[in-house]
Every structure is written in C-alpha cells, then in structure tokens.
C-alpha cells in the first residue's frame, strides 16, 4: 500500500490510522488506559509491521465511551461490559429498523 492509498483511507472508520500515543492524546488519557481496554478485550488494536498498536476511529469512539464511564466512577471491567451491551443494543435497533422498513415496503396497499 502506498502513502497515497493510506491517505485515502483516513475517512474509513475501520482503518487503523492512529498510533497509541496519538490515540491517548486525542482521548486525553494514558497509554496504560488503552492497554487496559485491550486486556479487558473491549478493543483489539491492529499491529503495525513493527508491532506497534494502531487504532481505528471506531475503536477510539468505543474507548472514549469507556473513559467517560470510568471518569464517572464505574470500574473499568463494568465500563467495558456496559460499552459492549450498548453497542449490541445499537446494532439490534439498527437491524430492527431495517426489518421494519423491509416489511412495510412489501405490504400490499389497501384499496378503498
């Protein structure tokens, strides 16, 4: 992948564009906090060829939500579980909305 290819993927929410240091800086947290989220299996950063952790935009949003919970006094293990459940709920709601749209579009129209 060339530098031009990488630059074009920065808008990709799943592209691991951020180093650990930059991710910690963006979240105003420590690298240790990000490592703890990895140990808790909330986020699994990809590794560069040199073995350095790289984070995606999606992972940073997940980490930011966990940090918010921890900052409000929630233990990190509980915060991670809450974030996972919130993510699952959001996905279920998205699927339900798609299902409702699909079933509504296939209903026969009533004639007066």
C-alpha atoms as a PDB file:
ATOM      1  CA  UNK A   1       0.000   0.000   0.000  1.00  0.00           C
ATOM      2  CA  UNK A   2       1.412   3.375  -0.958  1.00  0.00           C
ATOM      3  CA  UNK A   3       1.237   6.571   1.084  1.00  0.00           C
ATOM      4  CA  UNK A   4      -1.446   7.834  -1.308  1.00  0.00           C
ATOM      5  CA  UNK A   5      -3.535   4.704  -0.653  1.00  0.00           C
ATOM      6  CA  UNK A   6      -3.210   5.177   3.113  1.00  0.00           C
ATOM      7  CA  UNK A   7      -4.206   8.838   2.928  1.00  0.00           C
ATOM      8  CA  UNK A   8      -7.360   7.924   1.026  1.00  0.00           C
ATOM      9  CA  UNK A   9      -8.403   5.503   3.779  1.00  0.00           C
ATOM     10  CA  UNK A  10      -8.339   8.057   6.620  1.00  0.00           C
ATOM     11  CA  UNK A  11     -12.097   8.502   6.235  1.00  0.00           C
ATOM     12  CA  UNK A  12     -12.546   4.737   6.682  1.00  0.00           C
ATOM     13  CA  UNK A  13     -13.883   4.239  10.229  1.00  0.00           C
ATOM     14  CA  UNK A  14     -12.180   0.846  10.486  1.00  0.00           C
ATOM     15  CA  UNK A  15      -8.768   1.868   9.173  1.00  0.00           C
ATOM     16  CA  UNK A  16      -6.143   1.737  11.964  1.00  0.00           C
ATOM     17  CA  UNK A  17      -4.851   5.260  11.384  1.00  0.00           C
ATOM     18  CA  UNK A  18      -3.848   6.241  14.927  1.00  0.00           C
ATOM     19  CA  UNK A  19      -0.803   5.254  16.928  1.00  0.00           C
ATOM     20  CA  UNK A  20      -1.197   4.515  20.607  1.00  0.00           C
ATOM     21  CA  UNK A  21       0.399   7.819  21.549  1.00  0.00           C
ATOM     22  CA  UNK A  22      -1.858   9.804  19.232  1.00  0.00           C
ATOM     23  CA  UNK A  23      -4.945   7.885  20.355  1.00  0.00           C
ATOM     24  CA  UNK A  24      -4.152   8.549  24.034  1.00  0.00           C
ATOM     25  CA  UNK A  25      -3.582  12.217  23.241  1.00  0.00           C
ATOM     26  CA  UNK A  26      -6.866  12.501  21.329  1.00  0.00           C
ATOM     27  CA  UNK A  27      -8.773  10.881  24.210  1.00  0.00           C
ATOM     28  CA  UNK A  28      -6.868  12.868  26.838  1.00  0.00           C
ATOM     29  CA  UNK A  29      -5.944   9.642  28.601  1.00  0.00           C
ATOM     30  CA  UNK A  30      -2.891   7.475  29.148  1.00  0.00           C
ATOM     31  CA  UNK A  31      -1.446   4.718  27.030  1.00  0.00           C
ATOM     32  CA  UNK A  32      -1.924   2.472  30.058  1.00  0.00           C
ATOM     33  CA  UNK A  33      -5.678   3.074  29.878  1.00  0.00           C
ATOM     34  CA  UNK A  34      -5.695   1.967  26.252  1.00  0.00           C
ATOM     35  CA  UNK A  35      -3.673  -1.124  27.175  1.00  0.00           C
ATOM     36  CA  UNK A  36      -6.198  -1.887  29.943  1.00  0.00           C
ATOM     37  CA  UNK A  37      -9.049  -1.712  27.420  1.00  0.00           C
ATOM     38  CA  UNK A  38      -7.133  -4.184  25.280  1.00  0.00           C
ATOM     39  CA  UNK A  39      -6.571  -6.510  28.246  1.00  0.00           C
ATOM     40  CA  UNK A  40     -10.297  -6.289  29.026  1.00  0.00           C
ATOM     41  CA  UNK A  41     -10.903  -7.214  25.359  1.00  0.00           C
ATOM     42  CA  UNK A  42     -13.021  -4.159  24.702  1.00  0.00           C
ATOM     43  CA  UNK A  43     -10.843  -3.134  21.767  1.00  0.00           C
ATOM     44  CA  UNK A  44      -8.152  -5.087  19.978  1.00  0.00           C
ATOM     45  CA  UNK A  45      -5.815  -2.754  18.162  1.00  0.00           C
ATOM     46  CA  UNK A  46      -4.167  -3.901  14.986  1.00  0.00           C
ATOM     47  CA  UNK A  47      -0.389  -4.110  14.958  1.00  0.00           C
ATOM     48  CA  UNK A  48       1.932  -2.381  12.535  1.00  0.00           C
ATOM     49  CA  UNK A  49       4.723  -4.310  10.839  1.00  0.00           C
ATOM     50  CA  UNK A  50       6.952  -3.201  13.728  1.00  0.00           C
ATOM     51  CA  UNK A  51       4.451  -4.492  16.323  1.00  0.00           C
ATOM     52  CA  UNK A  52       3.086  -1.096  17.384  1.00  0.00           C
ATOM     53  CA  UNK A  53      -0.578  -0.762  18.305  1.00  0.00           C
ATOM     54  CA  UNK A  54      -2.775   1.087  15.789  1.00  0.00           C
ATOM     55  CA  UNK A  55      -6.351   2.215  16.457  1.00  0.00           C
ATOM     56  CA  UNK A  56      -9.281   2.983  14.180  1.00  0.00           C
ATOM     57  CA  UNK A  57     -11.773   5.808  14.552  1.00  0.00           C
ATOM     58  CA  UNK A  58     -14.409   3.295  15.637  1.00  0.00           C
ATOM     59  CA  UNK A  59     -12.104   1.950  18.359  1.00  0.00           C
ATOM     60  CA  UNK A  60     -11.410   5.479  19.569  1.00  0.00           C
ATOM     61  CA  UNK A  61     -15.145   6.157  19.963  1.00  0.00           C
ATOM     62  CA  UNK A  62     -15.507   2.946  21.961  1.00  0.00           C
ATOM     63  CA  UNK A  63     -12.520   3.892  24.133  1.00  0.00           C
ATOM     64  CA  UNK A  64     -13.906   7.407  24.644  1.00  0.00           C
ATOM     65  CA  UNK A  65     -17.212   5.989  25.911  1.00  0.00           C
ATOM     66  CA  UNK A  66     -15.374   3.654  28.294  1.00  0.00           C
ATOM     67  CA  UNK A  67     -13.272   6.558  29.545  1.00  0.00           C
ATOM     68  CA  UNK A  68     -16.426   8.599  30.168  1.00  0.00           C
ATOM     69  CA  UNK A  69     -17.855   5.800  32.306  1.00  0.00           C
ATOM     70  CA  UNK A  70     -14.589   5.305  34.205  1.00  0.00           C
ATOM     71  CA  UNK A  71     -14.289   9.052  34.809  1.00  0.00           C
ATOM     72  CA  UNK A  72     -17.750   8.907  36.390  1.00  0.00           C
ATOM     73  CA  UNK A  73     -16.669   6.204  38.830  1.00  0.00           C
ATOM     74  CA  UNK A  74     -17.514   2.977  37.011  1.00  0.00           C
ATOM     75  CA  UNK A  75     -14.878   0.246  37.427  1.00  0.00           C
ATOM     76  CA  UNK A  76     -13.109  -0.447  34.134  1.00  0.00           C
ATOM     77  CA  UNK A  77     -14.421  -4.028  33.843  1.00  0.00           C
ATOM     78  CA  UNK A  78     -18.013  -2.824  34.306  1.00  0.00           C
ATOM     79  CA  UNK A  79     -17.450   0.075  31.907  1.00  0.00           C
ATOM     80  CA  UNK A  80     -16.237  -2.338  29.241  1.00  0.00           C
ATOM     81  CA  UNK A  81     -19.287  -4.550  29.715  1.00  0.00           C
ATOM     82  CA  UNK A  82     -21.623  -1.546  29.510  1.00  0.00           C
ATOM     83  CA  UNK A  83     -19.990  -0.372  26.287  1.00  0.00           C
ATOM     84  CA  UNK A  84     -20.324  -3.842  24.742  1.00  0.00           C
ATOM     85  CA  UNK A  85     -24.005  -4.014  25.710  1.00  0.00           C
ATOM     86  CA  UNK A  86     -24.646  -0.507  24.364  1.00  0.00           C
ATOM     87  CA  UNK A  87     -23.004  -1.476  21.087  1.00  0.00           C
ATOM     88  CA  UNK A  88     -25.080  -4.665  20.856  1.00  0.00           C
ATOM     89  CA  UNK A  89     -28.270  -2.727  21.581  1.00  0.00           C
ATOM     90  CA  UNK A  90     -27.467  -0.163  18.898  1.00  0.00           C
ATOM     91  CA  UNK A  91     -26.860  -2.939  16.366  1.00  0.00           C
ATOM     92  CA  UNK A  92     -30.117  -4.710  17.314  1.00  0.00           C
ATOM     93  CA  UNK A  93     -32.046  -1.459  16.929  1.00  0.00           C
ATOM     94  CA  UNK A  94     -30.477  -0.878  13.515  1.00  0.00           C
ATOM     95  CA  UNK A  95     -31.427  -4.402  12.389  1.00  0.00           C
ATOM     96  CA  UNK A  96     -34.989  -3.975  13.699  1.00  0.00           C
ATOM     97  CA  UNK A  97     -35.373  -0.669  11.836  1.00  0.00           C
ATOM     98  CA  UNK A  98     -34.168  -2.319   8.616  1.00  0.00           C
ATOM     99  CA  UNK A  99     -36.588  -5.199   9.147  1.00  0.00           C
ATOM    100  CA  UNK A 100     -39.496  -2.806   9.737  1.00  0.00           C
ATOM    101  CA  UNK A 101     -38.649  -0.852   6.568  1.00  0.00           C
ATOM    102  CA  UNK A 102     -38.429  -4.080   4.569  1.00  0.00           C
ATOM    103  CA  UNK A 103     -41.751  -5.430   5.836  1.00  0.00           C
ATOM    104  CA  UNK A 104     -43.519  -2.101   5.330  1.00  0.00           C
ATOM    105  CA  UNK A 105     -42.339  -1.906   1.739  1.00  0.00           C
ATOM    106  CA  UNK A 106     -43.653  -5.409   0.984  1.00  0.00           C
ATOM    107  CA  UNK A 107     -47.129  -4.892   2.484  1.00  0.00           C
ATOM    108  CA  UNK A 108     -49.850  -4.754  -0.150  1.00  0.00           C
ATOM    109  CA  UNK A 109     -51.545  -1.357  -0.318  1.00  0.00           C
ATOM    110  CA  UNK A 110     -55.167  -1.271   0.736  1.00  0.00           C
ATOM    111  CA  UNK A 111     -57.726  -0.178  -1.818  1.00  0.00           C
ATOM    112  CA  UNK A 112     -60.815   1.761  -0.757  1.00  0.00           C
END
